């Protein structure tokens, strides 16, 4: 099984890195031979630290290819679907999920909060 993970990974944020470690550990406990690919801001560091494959989270072609060749996507955890850190945050994470849906891959939203959403996306 090959799983792609999308989150705020590779930015050296302690909380998000702890979430990544917990998910990786849980997946490996459930299925020791699982192949994990993390979308990361720093793919080399993420790959070395967690013993996973990693893809640059800003390379949309690589993301699409990775998801196309995977069995599913995990999006999370933390508060990814919010606009306090910038207006691009919600479109980015939902675009990754839409790519998975385009390729008919299951999407699992894991331990993810929503909001606050104060911008134009929240005024609809």
Protein backbone atom coordinates (compact mmCIF):
# COMPACT_ATOMS: atom_id res chain seq x y z
CA UNK A 1 0.00 0.00 0.00
CA UNK A 2 1.26 3.47 -0.94
CA UNK A 3 -0.09 6.46 0.98
CA UNK A 4 0.52 10.16 0.28
CA UNK A 5 0.43 12.56 3.23
CA UNK A 6 -0.40 16.24 2.87
CA UNK A 7 0.02 18.71 5.72
CA UNK A 8 2.23 21.52 6.98
CA UNK A 9 5.30 19.31 6.85
CA UNK A 10 8.93 20.26 6.31
CA UNK A 11 8.71 23.70 7.91
CA UNK A 12 10.28 22.59 11.22
CA UNK A 13 7.09 23.39 13.13
CA UNK A 14 7.27 21.19 16.23
CA UNK A 15 3.54 20.46 16.43
CA UNK A 16 3.13 19.59 12.76
CA UNK A 17 6.26 17.44 12.78
CA UNK A 18 4.93 15.60 15.85
CA UNK A 19 1.66 14.97 13.98
CA UNK A 20 3.63 13.58 11.03
CA UNK A 21 5.65 11.29 13.31
CA UNK A 22 2.48 10.01 15.00
CA UNK A 23 0.75 9.26 11.70
CA UNK A 24 3.83 7.55 10.24
CA UNK A 25 4.23 5.44 13.40
CA UNK A 26 0.53 4.49 13.39
CA UNK A 27 0.53 3.52 9.71
CA UNK A 28 3.64 1.38 10.17
CA UNK A 29 2.15 -0.30 13.22
CA UNK A 30 -0.99 -1.19 11.24
CA UNK A 31 0.88 -2.20 8.08
CA UNK A 32 4.66 -2.56 8.49
CA UNK A 33 5.34 -2.60 4.73
CA UNK A 34 3.35 0.56 3.97
CA UNK A 35 5.03 2.98 1.57
CA UNK A 36 4.60 6.59 2.70
CA UNK A 37 5.18 9.68 0.56
CA UNK A 38 5.09 13.05 2.31
CA UNK A 39 4.45 16.36 0.55
CA UNK A 40 7.09 18.53 2.20
CA UNK A 41 8.60 21.98 2.11
CA UNK A 42 11.98 20.30 2.67
CA UNK A 43 11.78 16.86 1.04
CA UNK A 44 15.38 15.84 1.75
CA UNK A 45 15.09 16.55 5.47
CA UNK A 46 11.65 14.93 5.76
CA UNK A 47 12.81 11.78 3.95
CA UNK A 48 15.86 11.42 6.18
CA UNK A 49 14.09 12.21 9.45
CA UNK A 50 11.05 9.94 8.99
CA UNK A 51 12.44 7.28 6.62
CA UNK A 52 9.77 8.04 4.01
CA UNK A 53 9.74 9.22 0.44
CA UNK A 54 9.14 12.94 0.13
CA UNK A 55 8.06 15.22 -2.69
CA UNK A 56 8.32 18.98 -2.93
CA UNK A 57 4.93 20.33 -1.86
CA UNK A 58 5.25 23.21 -4.36
CA UNK A 59 5.78 20.99 -7.42
CA UNK A 60 2.22 20.43 -8.64
CA UNK A 61 3.27 18.04 -11.44
CA UNK A 62 5.19 15.85 -8.98
CA UNK A 63 2.25 15.94 -6.57
CA UNK A 64 -0.18 14.83 -9.29
CA UNK A 65 2.13 12.01 -10.42
CA UNK A 66 2.68 10.88 -6.83
CA UNK A 67 -1.03 10.82 -6.05
CA UNK A 68 -1.84 9.08 -9.34
CA UNK A 69 0.54 6.26 -8.33
CA UNK A 70 -0.74 5.99 -4.76
CA UNK A 71 -3.54 4.09 -3.08
CA UNK A 72 -4.84 7.08 -1.16
CA UNK A 73 -4.25 10.49 0.44
CA UNK A 74 -4.20 11.51 4.09
CA UNK A 75 -4.72 15.24 4.64
CA UNK A 76 -3.87 16.47 8.12
CA UNK A 77 -3.55 17.04 10.90
CA UNK A 78 -3.78 20.38 12.54
CA UNK A 79 -5.77 23.38 11.37
CA UNK A 80 -5.01 23.33 7.67
CA UNK A 81 -8.35 24.64 6.43
CA UNK A 82 -8.11 28.21 7.69
CA UNK A 83 -7.08 31.56 6.22
CA UNK A 84 -5.19 33.16 9.13
CA UNK A 85 -1.82 32.13 7.68
CA UNK A 86 -2.69 33.41 4.20
CA UNK A 87 -5.35 33.39 1.52
CA UNK A 88 -3.64 30.54 -0.39
CA UNK A 89 -3.88 28.02 2.45
CA UNK A 90 -7.39 26.69 1.82
CA UNK A 91 -7.03 26.58 -1.99
CA UNK A 92 -3.71 24.71 -1.65
CA UNK A 93 -4.94 21.94 0.64
CA UNK A 94 -8.26 21.52 -1.15
CA UNK A 95 -6.44 21.40 -4.51
CA UNK A 96 -4.34 18.47 -3.25
CA UNK A 97 -7.56 16.72 -2.20
CA UNK A 98 -9.16 17.51 -5.58
CA UNK A 99 -6.19 15.94 -7.38
CA UNK A 100 -6.74 12.76 -5.38
CA UNK A 101 -10.45 12.78 -6.17
CA UNK A 102 -9.66 13.36 -9.87
CA UNK A 103 -7.60 10.16 -9.83
CA UNK A 104 -10.36 8.41 -7.86
CA UNK A 105 -8.16 7.93 -4.82
CA UNK A 106 -9.70 7.83 -1.35
CA UNK A 107 -9.08 10.93 0.75
CA UNK A 108 -8.88 10.68 4.52
CA UNK A 109 -9.00 13.95 6.45
CA UNK A 110 -7.15 13.18 9.68
CA UNK A 111 -7.29 15.20 12.92
CA UNK A 112 -7.91 18.41 11.02
CA UNK A 113 -9.58 21.49 12.41
CA UNK A 114 -11.38 24.07 10.33
CA UNK A 115 -11.27 27.81 10.64
CA UNK A 116 -11.16 30.52 11.27
CA UNK A 117 -12.20 31.52 7.79
CA UNK A 118 -12.56 35.28 7.56
CA UNK A 119 -11.69 36.01 3.93
CA UNK A 120 -13.75 35.86 0.76
CA UNK A 121 -13.98 32.06 0.96
CA UNK A 122 -15.83 32.40 4.26
CA UNK A 123 -18.28 35.06 3.12
CA UNK A 124 -20.19 32.87 0.69
